[in-house]
């Protein structure tokens, strides 16, 4: 017969507090999204003499599309800005905040 353990496993319903490195990664992704939005806005402000390639779309829709593109680009790491920012700033974190093996 197998003995039943009286100790309960550490099952907590509270969300795990993010580490400093996880917070840094999130902030770097948010910064990349802001940067991409500004790049798209600057590119869109350029006037090459003809209409928008998408025709006469509502400006709100264009901004929403650009915002979503910026979010996707930052979350997937397609441009790599967030990764570079995170790696550079990780050196400033306390030693116990970086994962073993470094960045």
N, C-alpha and C. Protein backbone atom coordinates (compact mmCIF):
# COMPACT_ATOMS: atom_id res chain seq x y z
N UNK A 1 0.84 -1.16 0.00
CA UNK A 1 0.00 0.00 0.00
C UNK A 1 0.89 1.24 0.00
N UNK A 2 0.53 2.27 -0.76
CA UNK A 2 1.30 3.49 -0.84
C UNK A 2 0.84 4.49 0.21
N UNK A 3 1.80 5.09 0.87
CA UNK A 3 1.47 6.08 1.90
C UNK A 3 1.04 7.38 1.25
N UNK A 4 0.08 8.02 1.86
CA UNK A 4 -0.40 9.31 1.36
C UNK A 4 0.37 10.41 2.05
N UNK A 5 0.89 11.29 1.27
CA UNK A 5 1.67 12.40 1.83
C UNK A 5 0.73 13.42 2.46
N UNK A 6 1.13 13.89 3.62
CA UNK A 6 0.32 14.90 4.30
C UNK A 6 0.73 16.32 3.93
N UNK A 7 1.84 16.46 3.21
CA UNK A 7 2.26 17.79 2.79
C UNK A 7 1.54 18.15 1.50
N UNK A 8 1.16 19.37 1.38
CA UNK A 8 0.48 19.83 0.17
C UNK A 8 1.48 20.51 -0.74
N UNK A 9 1.38 20.26 -2.01
CA UNK A 9 2.28 20.94 -2.94
C UNK A 9 1.99 22.44 -2.93
N UNK A 10 2.98 23.19 -3.34
CA UNK A 10 2.85 24.65 -3.34
C UNK A 10 2.00 25.07 -4.54
N UNK A 11 0.70 25.04 -4.37
CA UNK A 11 -0.22 25.44 -5.42
C UNK A 11 -0.84 26.76 -5.02
N UNK A 12 -0.44 27.79 -5.69
CA UNK A 12 -0.95 29.12 -5.37
C UNK A 12 -1.73 29.65 -6.56
N UNK A 13 -2.86 30.24 -6.27
CA UNK A 13 -3.66 30.84 -7.34
C UNK A 13 -3.24 32.27 -7.62
N UNK A 14 -2.40 32.82 -6.76
CA UNK A 14 -1.92 34.19 -6.96
C UNK A 14 -0.93 34.19 -8.13
N UNK A 15 -0.99 35.22 -8.98
CA UNK A 15 -0.05 35.27 -10.10
C UNK A 15 1.38 35.47 -9.59
N UNK A 16 2.30 34.84 -10.29
CA UNK A 16 3.71 34.94 -9.95
C UNK A 16 4.20 36.36 -10.25
N UNK A 17 4.89 36.94 -9.30
CA UNK A 17 5.43 38.29 -9.50
C UNK A 17 6.54 38.23 -10.55
N UNK A 18 6.49 39.11 -11.54
CA UNK A 18 7.53 39.08 -12.58
C UNK A 18 8.89 39.48 -12.01
N UNK A 19 9.93 38.86 -12.57
CA UNK A 19 11.29 39.22 -12.18
C UNK A 19 11.66 40.55 -12.81
N UNK A 20 12.77 41.10 -12.35
CA UNK A 20 13.24 42.37 -12.93
C UNK A 20 13.54 42.19 -14.41
N UNK A 21 14.08 41.04 -14.79
CA UNK A 21 14.41 40.80 -16.20
C UNK A 21 13.14 40.72 -17.04
N UNK A 22 12.08 40.10 -16.50
CA UNK A 22 10.81 40.02 -17.21
C UNK A 22 10.18 41.40 -17.36
N UNK A 23 10.30 42.22 -16.31
CA UNK A 23 9.80 43.60 -16.41
C UNK A 23 10.57 44.38 -17.46
N UNK A 24 11.89 44.19 -17.49
CA UNK A 24 12.73 44.87 -18.48
C UNK A 24 12.35 44.43 -19.89
N UNK A 25 12.12 43.14 -20.09
CA UNK A 25 11.73 42.63 -21.41
C UNK A 25 10.41 43.24 -21.86
N UNK A 26 9.45 43.34 -20.94
CA UNK A 26 8.16 43.95 -21.28
C UNK A 26 8.29 45.41 -21.64
N UNK A 27 9.09 46.14 -20.86
CA UNK A 27 9.29 47.56 -21.15
C UNK A 27 10.01 47.76 -22.48
N UNK A 28 10.96 46.90 -22.79
CA UNK A 28 11.69 47.00 -24.06
C UNK A 28 10.75 46.75 -25.24
N UNK A 29 9.83 45.79 -25.09
CA UNK A 29 8.86 45.53 -26.16
C UNK A 29 7.91 46.72 -26.33
N UNK A 30 7.49 47.32 -25.23
CA UNK A 30 6.61 48.49 -25.31
C UNK A 30 7.33 49.65 -25.99
N UNK A 31 8.62 49.84 -25.66
CA UNK A 31 9.39 50.90 -26.29
C UNK A 31 9.52 50.66 -27.79
N UNK A 32 9.77 49.40 -28.17
CA UNK A 32 9.88 49.08 -29.59
C UNK A 32 8.58 49.39 -30.32
N UNK A 33 7.44 49.06 -29.70
CA UNK A 33 6.14 49.34 -30.33
C UNK A 33 5.95 50.84 -30.52
N UNK A 34 6.31 51.63 -29.53
CA UNK A 34 6.21 53.10 -29.65
C UNK A 34 7.10 53.59 -30.78
N UNK A 35 8.31 53.07 -30.84
CA UNK A 35 9.26 53.48 -31.87
C UNK A 35 8.74 53.14 -33.27
N UNK A 36 8.19 51.94 -33.43
CA UNK A 36 7.66 51.52 -34.74
C UNK A 36 6.47 52.40 -35.12
N UNK A 37 5.59 52.71 -34.15
CA UNK A 37 4.45 53.60 -34.44
C UNK A 37 4.94 54.95 -34.95
N UNK A 38 5.96 55.49 -34.31
CA UNK A 38 6.48 56.80 -34.73
C UNK A 38 7.12 56.71 -36.11
N UNK A 39 7.81 55.61 -36.39
CA UNK A 39 8.39 55.45 -37.72
C UNK A 39 7.30 55.39 -38.78
N UNK A 40 6.23 54.64 -38.51
CA UNK A 40 5.13 54.54 -39.47
C UNK A 40 4.44 55.88 -39.66
N UNK A 41 4.25 56.62 -38.57
CA UNK A 41 3.62 57.94 -38.68
C UNK A 41 4.47 58.89 -39.51
N UNK A 42 5.79 58.84 -39.31
CA UNK A 42 6.68 59.70 -40.09
C UNK A 42 6.68 59.31 -41.56
N UNK A 43 6.68 58.02 -41.82
CA UNK A 43 6.65 57.56 -43.21
C UNK A 43 5.34 57.95 -43.87
N UNK A 44 4.24 57.85 -43.13
CA UNK A 44 2.94 58.19 -43.68
C UNK A 44 2.81 59.69 -43.94
N UNK A 45 3.54 60.50 -43.15
CA UNK A 45 3.47 61.95 -43.32
C UNK A 45 4.19 62.41 -44.60
N UNK A 46 5.06 61.55 -45.13
CA UNK A 46 5.75 61.88 -46.38
C UNK A 46 4.74 61.96 -47.51
N UNK A 47 4.90 62.92 -48.37
CA UNK A 47 3.99 63.10 -49.49
C UNK A 47 4.78 62.94 -50.78
N UNK A 48 4.46 61.89 -51.51
CA UNK A 48 5.14 61.65 -52.78
C UNK A 48 4.28 62.06 -53.97
N UNK A 49 3.25 62.84 -53.72
CA UNK A 49 2.46 63.38 -54.79
C UNK A 49 1.20 62.62 -55.15
N UNK A 50 1.05 61.40 -54.65
CA UNK A 50 -0.18 60.67 -54.98
C UNK A 50 -0.84 60.20 -53.69
N UNK A 51 -2.03 59.63 -53.84
CA UNK A 51 -2.82 59.21 -52.69
C UNK A 51 -2.15 58.06 -51.95
N UNK A 52 -2.65 57.81 -50.78
CA UNK A 52 -2.24 56.65 -49.98
C UNK A 52 -2.42 55.41 -50.84
N UNK A 53 -1.50 54.47 -50.73
CA UNK A 53 -1.58 53.25 -51.53
C UNK A 53 -2.83 52.44 -51.22
N UNK A 54 -3.47 52.71 -50.10
CA UNK A 54 -4.69 52.00 -49.72
C UNK A 54 -5.93 52.80 -50.07
N UNK A 55 -5.78 53.86 -50.81
CA UNK A 55 -6.93 54.67 -51.21
C UNK A 55 -7.32 55.66 -50.13
N UNK A 56 -8.56 56.08 -50.14
CA UNK A 56 -9.05 57.09 -49.20
C UNK A 56 -9.63 56.45 -47.95
N UNK A 57 -8.78 55.73 -47.22
CA UNK A 57 -9.24 55.10 -45.99
C UNK A 57 -9.44 56.14 -44.90
N UNK A 58 -10.29 55.79 -43.99
CA UNK A 58 -10.50 56.62 -42.81
C UNK A 58 -9.20 56.69 -42.02
N UNK A 59 -8.81 57.87 -41.61
CA UNK A 59 -7.54 58.06 -40.89
C UNK A 59 -7.48 57.25 -39.60
N UNK A 60 -8.62 57.09 -38.93
CA UNK A 60 -8.65 56.30 -37.70
C UNK A 60 -8.29 54.85 -37.98
N UNK A 61 -8.81 54.31 -39.07
CA UNK A 61 -8.48 52.93 -39.43
C UNK A 61 -7.00 52.79 -39.74
N UNK A 62 -6.43 53.74 -40.42
CA UNK A 62 -5.00 53.70 -40.76
C UNK A 62 -4.18 53.71 -39.49
N UNK A 63 -4.54 54.55 -38.53
CA UNK A 63 -3.80 54.60 -37.27
C UNK A 63 -3.96 53.29 -36.48
N UNK A 64 -5.17 52.74 -36.49
CA UNK A 64 -5.40 51.46 -35.80
C UNK A 64 -4.57 50.35 -36.44
N UNK A 65 -4.48 50.35 -37.75
CA UNK A 65 -3.69 49.33 -38.46
C UNK A 65 -2.21 49.48 -38.12
N UNK A 66 -1.73 50.71 -38.12
CA UNK A 66 -0.33 50.96 -37.77
C UNK A 66 -0.04 50.56 -36.32
N UNK A 67 -0.96 50.87 -35.41
CA UNK A 67 -0.79 50.49 -34.00
C UNK A 67 -0.70 48.97 -33.86
N UNK A 68 -1.59 48.27 -34.54
CA UNK A 68 -1.60 46.80 -34.45
C UNK A 68 -0.33 46.22 -35.06
N UNK A 69 0.11 46.77 -36.18
CA UNK A 69 1.35 46.30 -36.79
C UNK A 69 2.52 46.50 -35.84
N UNK A 70 2.58 47.66 -35.18
CA UNK A 70 3.66 47.94 -34.23
C UNK A 70 3.63 46.96 -33.06
N UNK A 71 2.45 46.65 -32.56
CA UNK A 71 2.33 45.69 -31.45
C UNK A 71 2.80 44.31 -31.88
N UNK A 72 2.38 43.86 -33.06
CA UNK A 72 2.78 42.54 -33.55
C UNK A 72 4.29 42.49 -33.76
N UNK A 73 4.84 43.53 -34.36
CA UNK A 73 6.28 43.57 -34.63
C UNK A 73 7.08 43.51 -33.33
N UNK A 74 6.62 44.22 -32.30
CA UNK A 74 7.36 44.21 -31.04
C UNK A 74 7.21 42.90 -30.29
N UNK A 75 6.03 42.28 -30.34
CA UNK A 75 5.80 41.03 -29.62
C UNK A 75 6.53 39.85 -30.28
N UNK A 76 6.66 39.86 -31.59
CA UNK A 76 7.32 38.76 -32.28
C UNK A 76 8.83 38.94 -32.35
N UNK A 77 9.29 40.16 -32.09
CA UNK A 77 10.73 40.40 -32.17
C UNK A 77 11.22 40.51 -33.60
N UNK A 78 10.32 40.81 -34.52
CA UNK A 78 10.67 40.84 -35.94
C UNK A 78 11.79 41.83 -36.25
N UNK A 79 11.79 42.97 -35.59
CA UNK A 79 12.81 43.98 -35.87
C UNK A 79 14.02 43.84 -34.96
N UNK A 80 13.83 43.27 -33.79
CA UNK A 80 14.95 43.03 -32.89
C UNK A 80 15.36 44.18 -31.99
N UNK A 81 14.64 45.30 -32.06
CA UNK A 81 15.00 46.45 -31.21
C UNK A 81 14.83 46.11 -29.73
N UNK A 82 13.74 45.47 -29.37
CA UNK A 82 13.46 45.16 -27.96
C UNK A 82 14.54 44.24 -27.41
N UNK A 83 14.95 43.25 -28.17
CA UNK A 83 15.98 42.31 -27.72
C UNK A 83 17.30 43.03 -27.47
N UNK A 84 17.66 43.95 -28.37
CA UNK A 84 18.90 44.70 -28.20
C UNK A 84 18.83 45.63 -26.98
N UNK A 85 17.70 46.30 -26.81
CA UNK A 85 17.52 47.18 -25.66
C UNK A 85 17.59 46.37 -24.36
N UNK A 86 16.89 45.24 -24.34
CA UNK A 86 16.89 44.39 -23.14
C UNK A 86 18.30 43.90 -22.82
N UNK A 87 19.01 43.40 -23.81
CA UNK A 87 20.36 42.89 -23.56
C UNK A 87 21.29 44.00 -23.06
N UNK A 88 21.15 45.18 -23.62
CA UNK A 88 22.02 46.29 -23.21
C UNK A 88 21.71 46.72 -21.77
N UNK A 89 20.43 46.84 -21.44
CA UNK A 89 20.05 47.31 -20.11
C UNK A 89 20.15 46.22 -19.04
N UNK A 90 20.18 44.96 -19.43
CA UNK A 90 20.29 43.86 -18.46
C UNK A 90 21.58 43.95 -17.67
N UNK A 91 22.60 44.55 -18.25
CA UNK A 91 23.87 44.70 -17.54
C UNK A 91 23.72 45.62 -16.33
N UNK A 92 22.70 46.44 -16.31
CA UNK A 92 22.48 47.36 -15.19
C UNK A 92 21.65 46.75 -14.06
N UNK A 93 21.07 45.56 -14.31
CA UNK A 93 20.27 44.90 -13.29
C UNK A 93 21.18 44.30 -12.22
N UNK A 94 20.67 44.15 -11.00
CA UNK A 94 21.45 43.43 -9.98
C UNK A 94 21.75 42.01 -10.44
N UNK A 95 22.84 41.44 -9.99
CA UNK A 95 23.29 40.12 -10.43
C UNK A 95 22.22 39.04 -10.23
N UNK A 96 21.45 39.10 -9.14
CA UNK A 96 20.45 38.07 -8.90
C UNK A 96 19.21 38.23 -9.77
N UNK A 97 19.08 39.34 -10.52
CA UNK A 97 17.92 39.57 -11.37
C UNK A 97 18.11 39.00 -12.77
N UNK A 98 19.35 38.67 -13.14
CA UNK A 98 19.60 38.12 -14.47
C UNK A 98 19.55 36.61 -14.40
N UNK A 99 19.08 35.94 -15.44
CA UNK A 99 19.03 34.48 -15.42
C UNK A 99 20.43 33.90 -15.41
N UNK A 100 20.56 32.69 -14.90
CA UNK A 100 21.88 32.05 -14.87
C UNK A 100 22.41 31.91 -16.28
N UNK A 101 23.69 32.15 -16.42
CA UNK A 101 24.30 32.06 -17.74
C UNK A 101 24.34 33.41 -18.44
N UNK A 102 23.78 34.46 -17.85
CA UNK A 102 23.83 35.78 -18.45
C UNK A 102 22.78 35.98 -19.50
N UNK A 103 22.94 37.06 -20.29
CA UNK A 103 21.94 37.43 -21.29
C UNK A 103 22.16 36.71 -22.57
